[in-house]
């Protein structure tokens, strides 16, 4: 894995962990996430919460 790809991977993992933590900290978020039916909906919702999870680390 190239250094650049590793940095992207670690950034995405960090963003995902923060998103998961927020599901327990912010009331109603878990239900909003459960209501998503596609990956694009999840990515869009996460973006509205300030998380960048849409980009794949190898892209």
C-alpha atoms as a PDB file:
ATOM      1  CA  UNK A   1       0.000   0.000   0.000  1.00  0.00           C
ATOM      2  CA  UNK A   2       1.411   3.367  -0.975  1.00  0.00           C
ATOM      3  CA  UNK A   3       1.922   5.955   1.755  1.00  0.00           C
ATOM      4  CA  UNK A   4      -0.741   8.195   0.199  1.00  0.00           C
ATOM      5  CA  UNK A   5      -3.240   5.317   0.171  1.00  0.00           C
ATOM      6  CA  UNK A   6      -2.449   4.481   3.786  1.00  0.00           C
ATOM      7  CA  UNK A   7      -3.133   8.079   4.814  1.00  0.00           C
ATOM      8  CA  UNK A   8      -6.485   8.018   2.978  1.00  0.00           C
ATOM      9  CA  UNK A   9      -7.356   4.674   4.535  1.00  0.00           C
ATOM     10  CA  UNK A  10      -6.547   5.859   8.057  1.00  0.00           C
ATOM     11  CA  UNK A  11      -8.496   9.086   7.504  1.00  0.00           C
ATOM     12  CA  UNK A  12     -11.574   7.159   6.357  1.00  0.00           C
ATOM     13  CA  UNK A  13     -11.358   4.740   9.293  1.00  0.00           C
ATOM     14  CA  UNK A  14     -11.102   7.731  11.637  1.00  0.00           C
ATOM     15  CA  UNK A  15     -14.141   9.366  10.036  1.00  0.00           C
ATOM     16  CA  UNK A  16     -16.144   6.140  10.293  1.00  0.00           C
ATOM     17  CA  UNK A  17     -15.212   5.734  13.967  1.00  0.00           C
ATOM     18  CA  UNK A  18     -16.292   9.284  14.730  1.00  0.00           C
ATOM     19  CA  UNK A  19     -19.562   8.674  12.886  1.00  0.00           C
ATOM     20  CA  UNK A  20     -20.195   5.517  14.917  1.00  0.00           C
ATOM     21  CA  UNK A  21     -19.414   7.357  18.154  1.00  0.00           C
ATOM     22  CA  UNK A  22     -21.884  10.068  17.185  1.00  0.00           C
ATOM     23  CA  UNK A  23     -24.651   7.465  16.848  1.00  0.00           C
ATOM     24  CA  UNK A  24     -24.459   6.967  20.603  1.00  0.00           C
ATOM     25  CA  UNK A  25     -23.913  10.616  21.468  1.00  0.00           C
ATOM     26  CA  UNK A  26     -26.532  12.371  19.319  1.00  0.00           C
ATOM     27  CA  UNK A  27     -30.149  11.307  19.803  1.00  0.00           C
ATOM     28  CA  UNK A  28     -31.947  10.259  16.623  1.00  0.00           C
ATOM     29  CA  UNK A  29     -28.885   9.691  14.456  1.00  0.00           C
ATOM     30  CA  UNK A  30     -29.016   5.924  14.627  1.00  0.00           C
ATOM     31  CA  UNK A  31     -32.618   5.933  13.408  1.00  0.00           C
ATOM     32  CA  UNK A  32     -31.781   8.300  10.542  1.00  0.00           C
ATOM     33  CA  UNK A  33     -28.945   6.022   9.474  1.00  0.00           C
ATOM     34  CA  UNK A  34     -31.195   2.962   9.703  1.00  0.00           C
ATOM     35  CA  UNK A  35     -33.666   4.677   7.368  1.00  0.00           C
ATOM     36  CA  UNK A  36     -31.080   4.847   4.569  1.00  0.00           C
ATOM     37  CA  UNK A  37     -31.532   2.204   1.890  1.00  0.00           C
ATOM     38  CA  UNK A  38     -28.490   2.852  -0.305  1.00  0.00           C
ATOM     39  CA  UNK A  39     -24.802   3.534   0.144  1.00  0.00           C
ATOM     40  CA  UNK A  40     -25.239   6.937  -1.499  1.00  0.00           C
ATOM     41  CA  UNK A  41     -27.887   7.900   1.066  1.00  0.00           C
ATOM     42  CA  UNK A  42     -25.529   6.938   3.895  1.00  0.00           C
ATOM     43  CA  UNK A  43     -22.677   8.937   2.367  1.00  0.00           C
ATOM     44  CA  UNK A  44     -24.918  11.982   1.870  1.00  0.00           C
ATOM     45  CA  UNK A  45     -26.327  11.803   5.403  1.00  0.00           C
ATOM     46  CA  UNK A  46     -22.848  11.418   6.887  1.00  0.00           C
ATOM     47  CA  UNK A  47     -21.706  14.444   4.909  1.00  0.00           C
ATOM     48  CA  UNK A  48     -24.524  16.546   6.393  1.00  0.00           C
ATOM     49  CA  UNK A  49     -23.175  15.564   9.808  1.00  0.00           C
ATOM     50  CA  UNK A  50     -19.656  16.658   8.833  1.00  0.00           C
ATOM     51  CA  UNK A  51     -18.124  13.266   8.027  1.00  0.00           C
ATOM     52  CA  UNK A  52     -16.276  12.447   4.800  1.00  0.00           C
ATOM     53  CA  UNK A  53     -16.813   8.714   4.193  1.00  0.00           C
ATOM     54  CA  UNK A  54     -17.630   8.668   0.478  1.00  0.00           C
ATOM     55  CA  UNK A  55     -14.174   8.451  -1.009  1.00  0.00           C
ATOM     56  CA  UNK A  56     -12.597   5.038  -1.219  1.00  0.00           C
ATOM     57  CA  UNK A  57      -9.023   4.935   0.027  1.00  0.00           C
ATOM     58  CA  UNK A  58      -7.637   3.533  -3.237  1.00  0.00           C
ATOM     59  CA  UNK A  59      -9.273   6.122  -5.499  1.00  0.00           C
END
